Amino acid sequence: MPMIDDLAIATDLLVSAKAGVRNLATAITETATPSLKKLLRRELDIAIDTHDKIAQYMIKKEMYHAYDLDEQMRHDLEKADFVLDSVKE
């Protein structure tokens, strides 16, 4: 069984946090009750902050290169090659 590394865990957490932001935003637009909208907006603010903290952690640890597209592409291609090589074994 392949080992899950910090990058895989952090990436999964970042993707999940982004989905949470998206789902909360959708819920707000589909809610008619003012008190529920207020609650969901507070949760959305927390979710956005959480996503940002995860992204900043990944940037600091050089797991995510949000401001350097060429570097991020190189990084993603290396990960893809690693996965393809792992499947061949």
N, C-alpha and C. Protein backbone atom coordinates (compact mmCIF):
# COMPACT_ATOMS: atom_id res chain seq x y z
N MET A 1 0.85 -1.18 0.00
CA MET A 1 0.00 0.00 0.00
C MET A 1 0.89 1.24 0.00
N PRO A 2 0.62 2.20 -0.90
CA PRO A 2 1.46 3.40 -0.96
C PRO A 2 1.27 4.28 0.27
N MET A 3 2.35 4.94 0.65
CA MET A 3 2.28 5.84 1.80
C MET A 3 1.71 7.18 1.37
N ILE A 4 0.92 7.76 2.24
CA ILE A 4 0.40 9.10 1.99
C ILE A 4 1.36 10.08 2.64
N ASP A 5 1.84 11.04 1.85
CA ASP A 5 2.78 12.00 2.41
C ASP A 5 2.08 13.30 2.78
N ASP A 6 2.84 14.22 3.37
CA ASP A 6 2.28 15.49 3.83
C ASP A 6 1.64 16.27 2.68
N LEU A 7 2.25 16.22 1.51
CA LEU A 7 1.71 16.94 0.36
C LEU A 7 0.33 16.42 -0.01
N ALA A 8 0.17 15.11 -0.03
CA ALA A 8 -1.13 14.52 -0.38
C ALA A 8 -2.19 14.90 0.65
N ILE A 9 -1.81 14.86 1.91
CA ILE A 9 -2.76 15.21 2.97
C ILE A 9 -3.14 16.68 2.88
N ALA A 10 -2.15 17.55 2.73
CA ALA A 10 -2.42 18.99 2.65
C ALA A 10 -3.25 19.33 1.42
N THR A 11 -2.95 18.70 0.29
CA THR A 11 -3.71 18.95 -0.93
C THR A 11 -5.15 18.52 -0.77
N ASP A 12 -5.37 17.36 -0.18
CA ASP A 12 -6.72 16.88 0.05
C ASP A 12 -7.48 17.83 0.98
N LEU A 13 -6.80 18.30 2.01
CA LEU A 13 -7.42 19.24 2.95
C LEU A 13 -7.77 20.55 2.24
N LEU A 14 -6.88 21.04 1.39
CA LEU A 14 -7.14 22.28 0.65
C LEU A 14 -8.34 22.12 -0.28
N VAL A 15 -8.39 21.02 -1.00
CA VAL A 15 -9.51 20.77 -1.92
C VAL A 15 -10.82 20.65 -1.15
N SER A 16 -10.78 19.98 -0.01
CA SER A 16 -11.98 19.83 0.82
C SER A 16 -12.44 21.18 1.37
N ALA A 17 -11.48 22.00 1.79
CA ALA A 17 -11.82 23.33 2.30
C ALA A 17 -12.45 24.18 1.21
N LYS A 18 -11.92 24.08 -0.01
CA LYS A 18 -12.49 24.83 -1.13
C LYS A 18 -13.92 24.37 -1.41
N ALA A 19 -14.16 23.08 -1.35
CA ALA A 19 -15.51 22.55 -1.56
C ALA A 19 -16.45 23.05 -0.48
N GLY A 20 -15.95 23.15 0.75
CA GLY A 20 -16.77 23.68 1.84
C GLY A 20 -17.18 25.12 1.59
N VAL A 21 -16.24 25.92 1.11
CA VAL A 21 -16.55 27.32 0.78
C VAL A 21 -17.63 27.37 -0.30
N ARG A 22 -17.45 26.58 -1.34
CA ARG A 22 -18.41 26.55 -2.44
C ARG A 22 -19.79 26.10 -1.96
N ASN A 23 -19.83 25.06 -1.13
CA ASN A 23 -21.11 24.54 -0.65
C ASN A 23 -21.83 25.55 0.25
N LEU A 24 -21.07 26.22 1.11
CA LEU A 24 -21.69 27.23 1.96
C LEU A 24 -22.23 28.40 1.14
N ALA A 25 -21.48 28.83 0.14
CA ALA A 25 -21.95 29.93 -0.72
C ALA A 25 -23.24 29.53 -1.43
N THR A 26 -23.29 28.31 -1.91
CA THR A 26 -24.51 27.82 -2.56
C THR A 26 -25.67 27.78 -1.57
N ALA A 27 -25.41 27.29 -0.38
CA ALA A 27 -26.47 27.21 0.64
C ALA A 27 -27.03 28.60 0.97
N ILE A 28 -26.16 29.60 1.03
CA ILE A 28 -26.62 30.96 1.32
C ILE A 28 -27.58 31.44 0.24
N THR A 29 -27.26 31.16 -1.02
CA THR A 29 -28.12 31.63 -2.11
C THR A 29 -29.45 30.88 -2.17
N GLU A 30 -29.52 29.72 -1.53
CA GLU A 30 -30.74 28.92 -1.57
C GLU A 30 -31.55 29.02 -0.28
N THR A 31 -31.13 29.87 0.63
CA THR A 31 -31.79 29.99 1.93
C THR A 31 -32.61 31.28 1.98
N ALA A 32 -33.84 31.16 2.46
CA ALA A 32 -34.72 32.33 2.56
C ALA A 32 -34.76 32.90 3.97
N THR A 33 -34.43 32.11 4.96
CA THR A 33 -34.53 32.54 6.36
C THR A 33 -33.36 33.45 6.73
N PRO A 34 -33.63 34.70 7.13
CA PRO A 34 -32.55 35.63 7.45
C PRO A 34 -31.59 35.13 8.55
N SER A 35 -32.13 34.51 9.58
CA SER A 35 -31.25 34.04 10.66
C SER A 35 -30.33 32.91 10.17
N LEU A 36 -30.85 32.06 9.30
CA LEU A 36 -30.02 30.99 8.75
C LEU A 36 -28.97 31.55 7.80
N LYS A 37 -29.35 32.55 6.99
CA LYS A 37 -28.37 33.19 6.11
C LYS A 37 -27.23 33.79 6.93
N LYS A 38 -27.57 34.43 8.04
CA LYS A 38 -26.56 35.05 8.90
C LYS A 38 -25.61 33.98 9.45
N LEU A 39 -26.17 32.88 9.90
CA LEU A 39 -25.35 31.78 10.42
C LEU A 39 -24.44 31.22 9.33
N LEU A 40 -24.99 31.01 8.14
CA LEU A 40 -24.19 30.46 7.04
C LEU A 40 -23.09 31.43 6.61
N ARG A 41 -23.37 32.73 6.66
CA ARG A 41 -22.33 33.72 6.32
C ARG A 41 -21.18 33.66 7.31
N ARG A 42 -21.50 33.50 8.59
CA ARG A 42 -20.42 33.36 9.59
C ARG A 42 -19.59 32.11 9.30
N GLU A 43 -20.27 31.02 9.00
CA GLU A 43 -19.57 29.77 8.67
C GLU A 43 -18.74 29.93 7.40
N LEU A 44 -19.26 30.67 6.43
CA LEU A 44 -18.52 30.92 5.19
C LEU A 44 -17.24 31.70 5.48
N ASP A 45 -17.33 32.71 6.33
CA ASP A 45 -16.13 33.48 6.70
C ASP A 45 -15.08 32.57 7.34
N ILE A 46 -15.52 31.68 8.20
CA ILE A 46 -14.60 30.74 8.85
C ILE A 46 -13.99 29.80 7.81
N ALA A 47 -14.81 29.31 6.90
CA ALA A 47 -14.33 28.39 5.86
C ALA A 47 -13.32 29.07 4.94
N ILE A 48 -13.57 30.33 4.59
CA ILE A 48 -12.62 31.07 3.74
C ILE A 48 -11.31 31.26 4.48
N ASP A 49 -11.38 31.60 5.75
CA ASP A 49 -10.17 31.78 6.56
C ASP A 49 -9.39 30.46 6.67
N THR A 50 -10.10 29.37 6.86
CA THR A 50 -9.46 28.05 6.95
C THR A 50 -8.76 27.70 5.64
N HIS A 51 -9.44 27.93 4.52
CA HIS A 51 -8.84 27.67 3.21
C HIS A 51 -7.57 28.48 3.04
N ASP A 52 -7.63 29.75 3.41
CA ASP A 52 -6.46 30.62 3.28
C ASP A 52 -5.30 30.13 4.14
N LYS A 53 -5.58 29.70 5.36
CA LYS A 53 -4.52 29.21 6.25
C LYS A 53 -3.86 27.96 5.66
N ILE A 54 -4.65 27.07 5.11
CA ILE A 54 -4.10 25.86 4.50
C ILE A 54 -3.24 26.23 3.29
N ALA A 55 -3.75 27.13 2.44
CA ALA A 55 -3.00 27.55 1.25
C ALA A 55 -1.70 28.23 1.65
N GLN A 56 -1.74 29.10 2.64
CA GLN A 56 -0.53 29.79 3.08
C GLN A 56 0.49 28.81 3.66
N TYR A 57 0.02 27.81 4.40
CA TYR A 57 0.90 26.77 4.93
C TYR A 57 1.59 26.03 3.77
N MET A 58 0.80 25.67 2.76
CA MET A 58 1.35 24.94 1.63
C MET A 58 2.34 25.79 0.84
N ILE A 59 2.07 27.08 0.71
CA ILE A 59 2.99 27.98 0.02
C ILE A 59 4.29 28.09 0.82
N LYS A 60 4.17 28.26 2.13
CA LYS A 60 5.35 28.39 2.99
C LYS A 60 6.22 27.13 2.92
N LYS A 61 5.59 25.97 2.86
CA LYS A 61 6.31 24.69 2.81
C LYS A 61 6.69 24.28 1.38
N GLU A 62 6.46 25.19 0.42
CA GLU A 62 6.76 24.96 -1.00
C GLU A 62 6.04 23.74 -1.57
N MET A 63 4.83 23.49 -1.06
CA MET A 63 3.99 22.43 -1.60
C MET A 63 3.08 22.96 -2.69
N TYR A 64 2.85 24.26 -2.67
CA TYR A 64 1.90 24.91 -3.57
C TYR A 64 2.54 26.21 -4.04
N HIS A 65 2.58 26.40 -5.35
CA HIS A 65 3.26 27.56 -5.94
C HIS A 65 2.22 28.44 -6.63
N ALA A 66 1.37 29.05 -5.82
CA ALA A 66 0.24 29.82 -6.35
C ALA A 66 0.68 31.03 -7.17
N TYR A 67 1.85 31.56 -6.90
CA TYR A 67 2.29 32.79 -7.56
C TYR A 67 3.33 32.55 -8.65
N ASP A 68 3.59 31.28 -8.96
CA ASP A 68 4.58 30.94 -9.99
C ASP A 68 4.03 29.77 -10.81
N LEU A 69 3.31 30.10 -11.86
CA LEU A 69 2.64 29.08 -12.66
C LEU A 69 3.62 28.06 -13.25
N ASP A 70 4.76 28.53 -13.74
CA ASP A 70 5.75 27.61 -14.32
C ASP A 70 6.24 26.61 -13.27
N GLU A 71 6.53 27.11 -12.08
CA GLU A 71 7.00 26.23 -11.00
C GLU A 71 5.90 25.25 -10.59
N GLN A 72 4.66 25.72 -10.51
CA GLN A 72 3.55 24.85 -10.14
C GLN A 72 3.36 23.76 -11.19
N MET A 73 3.48 24.12 -12.47
CA MET A 73 3.35 23.12 -13.53
C MET A 73 4.46 22.08 -13.43
N ARG A 74 5.69 22.53 -13.20
CA ARG A 74 6.82 21.60 -13.06
C ARG A 74 6.57 20.66 -11.88
N HIS A 75 6.11 21.22 -10.79
CA HIS A 75 5.82 20.46 -9.58
C HIS A 75 4.72 19.42 -9.85
N ASP A 76 3.66 19.84 -10.53
CA ASP A 76 2.56 18.92 -10.85
C ASP A 76 3.00 17.81 -11.79
N LEU A 77 3.84 18.14 -12.76
CA LEU A 77 4.34 17.12 -13.68
C LEU A 77 5.22 16.10 -12.96
N GLU A 78 6.03 16.56 -12.01
CA GLU A 78 6.85 15.64 -11.21
C GLU A 78 5.96 14.69 -10.43
N LYS A 79 4.90 15.21 -9.83
CA LYS A 79 3.97 14.36 -9.08
C LYS A 79 3.29 13.36 -10.00
N ALA A 80 2.90 13.80 -11.19
CA ALA A 80 2.25 12.90 -12.14
C ALA A 80 3.21 11.80 -12.58
N ASP A 81 4.46 12.15 -12.85
CA ASP A 81 5.46 11.15 -13.22
C ASP A 81 5.67 10.14 -12.10
N PHE A 82 5.70 10.62 -10.86
CA PHE A 82 5.86 9.73 -9.71
C PHE A 82 4.72 8.73 -9.64
N VAL A 83 3.50 9.22 -9.83
CA VAL A 83 2.33 8.34 -9.78
C VAL A 83 2.39 7.32 -10.91
N LEU A 84 2.72 7.76 -12.12
CA LEU A 84 2.81 6.84 -13.25
C LEU A 84 3.89 5.79 -13.04
N ASP A 85 5.03 6.20 -12.49
CA ASP A 85 6.10 5.25 -12.20
C ASP A 85 5.67 4.26 -11.12
N SER A 86 4.91 4.72 -10.15
CA SER A 86 4.44 3.84 -9.07
C SER A 86 3.48 2.79 -9.60
N VAL A 87 2.68 3.15 -10.57
CA VAL A 87 1.70 2.22 -11.14
C VAL A 87 2.41 1.13 -11.93
N LYS A 88 3.53 1.46 -12.55
CA LYS A 88 4.28 0.49 -13.36
C LYS A 88 4.91 -0.60 -12.50
N GLU A 89 5.17 -0.29 -11.24
CA GLU A 89 5.87 -1.26 -10.38
C GLU A 89 5.01 -2.40 -9.96
